[in-house]
Amino acid sequence: MNEANEMAKNGGVVGASLVLDGKVIVSACNDPVDPTGHAEMIVLRKGAELLGSWDALSKAVVYTTRFPCWMCAGSMWHSGIKLVIYRDANPAFKADRSYFIHRNMSINKYEYHELS
């Protein structure tokens, strides 16, 4: 989640990371020019490219700073992603939790506490 947070802070509203076997494979932020260039979409594309196929994504976890939209949720499902961890709710633009549940995917809220 730290890398996703950094991507959001440095490049855009949303940041995402693709993690496989506890290692960050790729991180990205939203592309301000491409309407499909959501951070989650970018990490799926780049991750599949780096791993050699989209089938390899099925064992990965997506960390994202916002609850995924419908496009990103569908793409993660088609990629075989089983676990998505998000930081913040996005009430104006989010997929319904039931979308994940009915597709045997887990969607978990990342709990973090800032140090004072």
Protein backbone atom coordinates (compact mmCIF):
# COMPACT_ATOMS: atom_id res chain seq x y z
CA MET A 1 0.00 0.00 0.00
CA ASN A 2 2.94 2.34 0.61
CA GLU A 3 3.87 2.37 -3.08
CA ALA A 4 0.25 2.96 -4.14
CA ASN A 5 0.09 5.86 -1.70
CA GLU A 6 3.29 7.36 -3.14
CA MET A 7 1.97 7.05 -6.70
CA ALA A 8 -1.22 8.89 -5.72
CA LYS A 9 0.74 11.57 -3.90
CA ASN A 10 3.27 12.11 -6.69
CA GLY A 11 1.24 11.63 -9.81
CA GLY A 12 -2.48 11.61 -9.49
CA VAL A 13 -5.61 11.08 -7.49
CA VAL A 14 -5.40 7.28 -7.50
CA GLY A 15 -2.39 5.04 -7.11
CA ALA A 16 -2.21 1.25 -7.41
CA SER A 17 0.33 -1.52 -6.98
CA LEU A 18 0.39 -5.10 -8.20
CA VAL A 19 2.00 -7.45 -5.67
CA LEU A 20 3.05 -11.03 -6.33
CA ASP A 21 4.57 -13.25 -3.66
CA GLY A 22 4.95 -10.26 -1.36
CA LYS A 23 6.92 -8.23 -3.92
CA VAL A 24 5.72 -5.13 -5.73
CA ILE A 25 5.79 -5.92 -9.45
CA VAL A 26 4.58 -2.54 -10.70
CA SER A 27 2.96 0.64 -9.38
CA ALA A 28 1.18 3.41 -11.26
CA CYS A 29 -1.06 6.44 -10.93
CA ASN A 30 -3.96 7.57 -13.12
CA ASP A 31 -3.06 8.77 -16.60
CA PRO A 32 -4.59 12.26 -17.00
CA VAL A 33 -4.87 11.89 -20.80
CA ASP A 34 -6.27 8.36 -21.27
CA PRO A 35 -9.88 7.89 -20.06
CA THR A 36 -9.16 4.17 -19.50
CA GLY A 37 -5.81 4.93 -17.87
CA HIS A 38 -6.89 4.23 -14.32
CA ALA A 39 -4.06 3.22 -11.99
CA GLU A 40 -5.51 -0.27 -11.58
CA MET A 41 -5.76 -0.76 -15.34
CA ILE A 42 -2.18 0.36 -15.84
CA VAL A 43 -0.78 -2.04 -13.24
CA LEU A 44 -2.74 -4.91 -14.81
CA ARG A 45 -1.41 -4.09 -18.30
CA LYS A 46 2.18 -3.56 -17.19
CA GLY A 47 2.07 -6.54 -14.83
CA ALA A 48 0.86 -8.88 -17.58
CA GLU A 49 3.60 -7.55 -19.86
CA LEU A 50 6.32 -8.02 -17.23
CA LEU A 51 5.08 -11.50 -16.25
CA GLY A 52 4.60 -12.63 -19.86
CA SER A 53 0.82 -13.14 -19.83
CA TRP A 54 -2.33 -11.97 -18.13
CA ASP A 55 -2.84 -15.51 -16.75
CA ALA A 56 0.09 -14.88 -14.41
CA LEU A 57 -1.92 -12.13 -12.69
CA SER A 58 -4.24 -14.66 -11.02
CA LYS A 59 -1.88 -15.07 -8.07
CA ALA A 60 -1.31 -11.34 -7.60
CA VAL A 61 -2.95 -8.86 -5.24
CA VAL A 62 -3.97 -5.34 -6.26
CA TYR A 63 -3.53 -2.53 -3.73
CA THR A 64 -5.32 0.69 -4.63
CA THR A 65 -5.88 4.00 -2.91
CA ARG A 66 -9.58 4.12 -3.92
CA PHE A 67 -12.40 1.61 -4.12
CA PRO A 68 -12.30 0.41 -7.76
CA CYS A 69 -14.75 1.56 -10.41
CA TRP A 70 -16.74 -0.89 -12.53
CA MET A 71 -14.20 -0.91 -15.38
CA CYS A 72 -11.31 -1.71 -13.07
CA ALA A 73 -13.31 -4.29 -11.08
CA GLY A 74 -14.28 -6.11 -14.29
CA SER A 75 -10.72 -6.06 -15.58
CA MET A 76 -9.38 -7.44 -12.32
CA TRP A 77 -11.97 -10.22 -12.44
CA HIS A 78 -11.08 -11.08 -16.05
CA SER A 79 -7.41 -11.14 -15.02
CA GLY A 80 -8.12 -13.67 -12.29
CA ILE A 81 -7.29 -11.33 -9.41
CA LYS A 82 -8.71 -12.82 -6.21
CA LEU A 83 -7.84 -10.11 -3.69
CA VAL A 84 -8.13 -6.32 -3.92
CA ILE A 85 -7.14 -4.08 -1.02
CA TYR A 86 -8.30 -0.47 -1.11
CA ARG A 87 -7.53 2.49 1.18
CA ASP A 88 -10.39 4.98 0.73
CA ALA A 89 -14.03 4.80 -0.21
CA ASN A 90 -15.02 6.51 -3.43
CA PRO A 91 -18.78 7.05 -3.07
CA ALA A 92 -19.18 8.95 -6.33
CA PHE A 93 -17.58 6.30 -8.52
CA LYS A 94 -17.33 2.76 -7.23
CA ALA A 95 -18.33 -0.74 -8.07
CA ASP A 96 -20.70 -2.45 -5.66
CA ARG A 97 -19.15 -4.87 -3.12
CA SER A 98 -21.54 -7.53 -4.40
CA TYR A 99 -19.74 -7.49 -7.76
CA PHE A 100 -16.64 -8.86 -6.03
CA ILE A 101 -18.49 -11.24 -3.72
CA HIS A 102 -20.50 -12.90 -6.54
CA ARG A 103 -17.27 -13.50 -8.46
CA ASN A 104 -15.43 -15.13 -5.55
CA MET A 105 -13.12 -12.14 -5.16
CA SER A 106 -12.21 -10.51 -1.87
CA ILE A 107 -12.31 -6.74 -1.44
CA ASN A 108 -10.78 -5.55 1.81
CA LYS A 109 -10.38 -2.10 3.30
CA TYR A 110 -6.80 -1.31 4.24
CA GLU A 111 -6.69 -0.15 7.84
CA TYR A 112 -3.89 2.24 8.60
CA HIS A 113 -3.09 4.55 11.44
CA GLU A 114 -1.00 7.65 11.11
CA LEU A 115 1.71 8.04 13.71
CA SER A 116 1.47 11.19 15.80
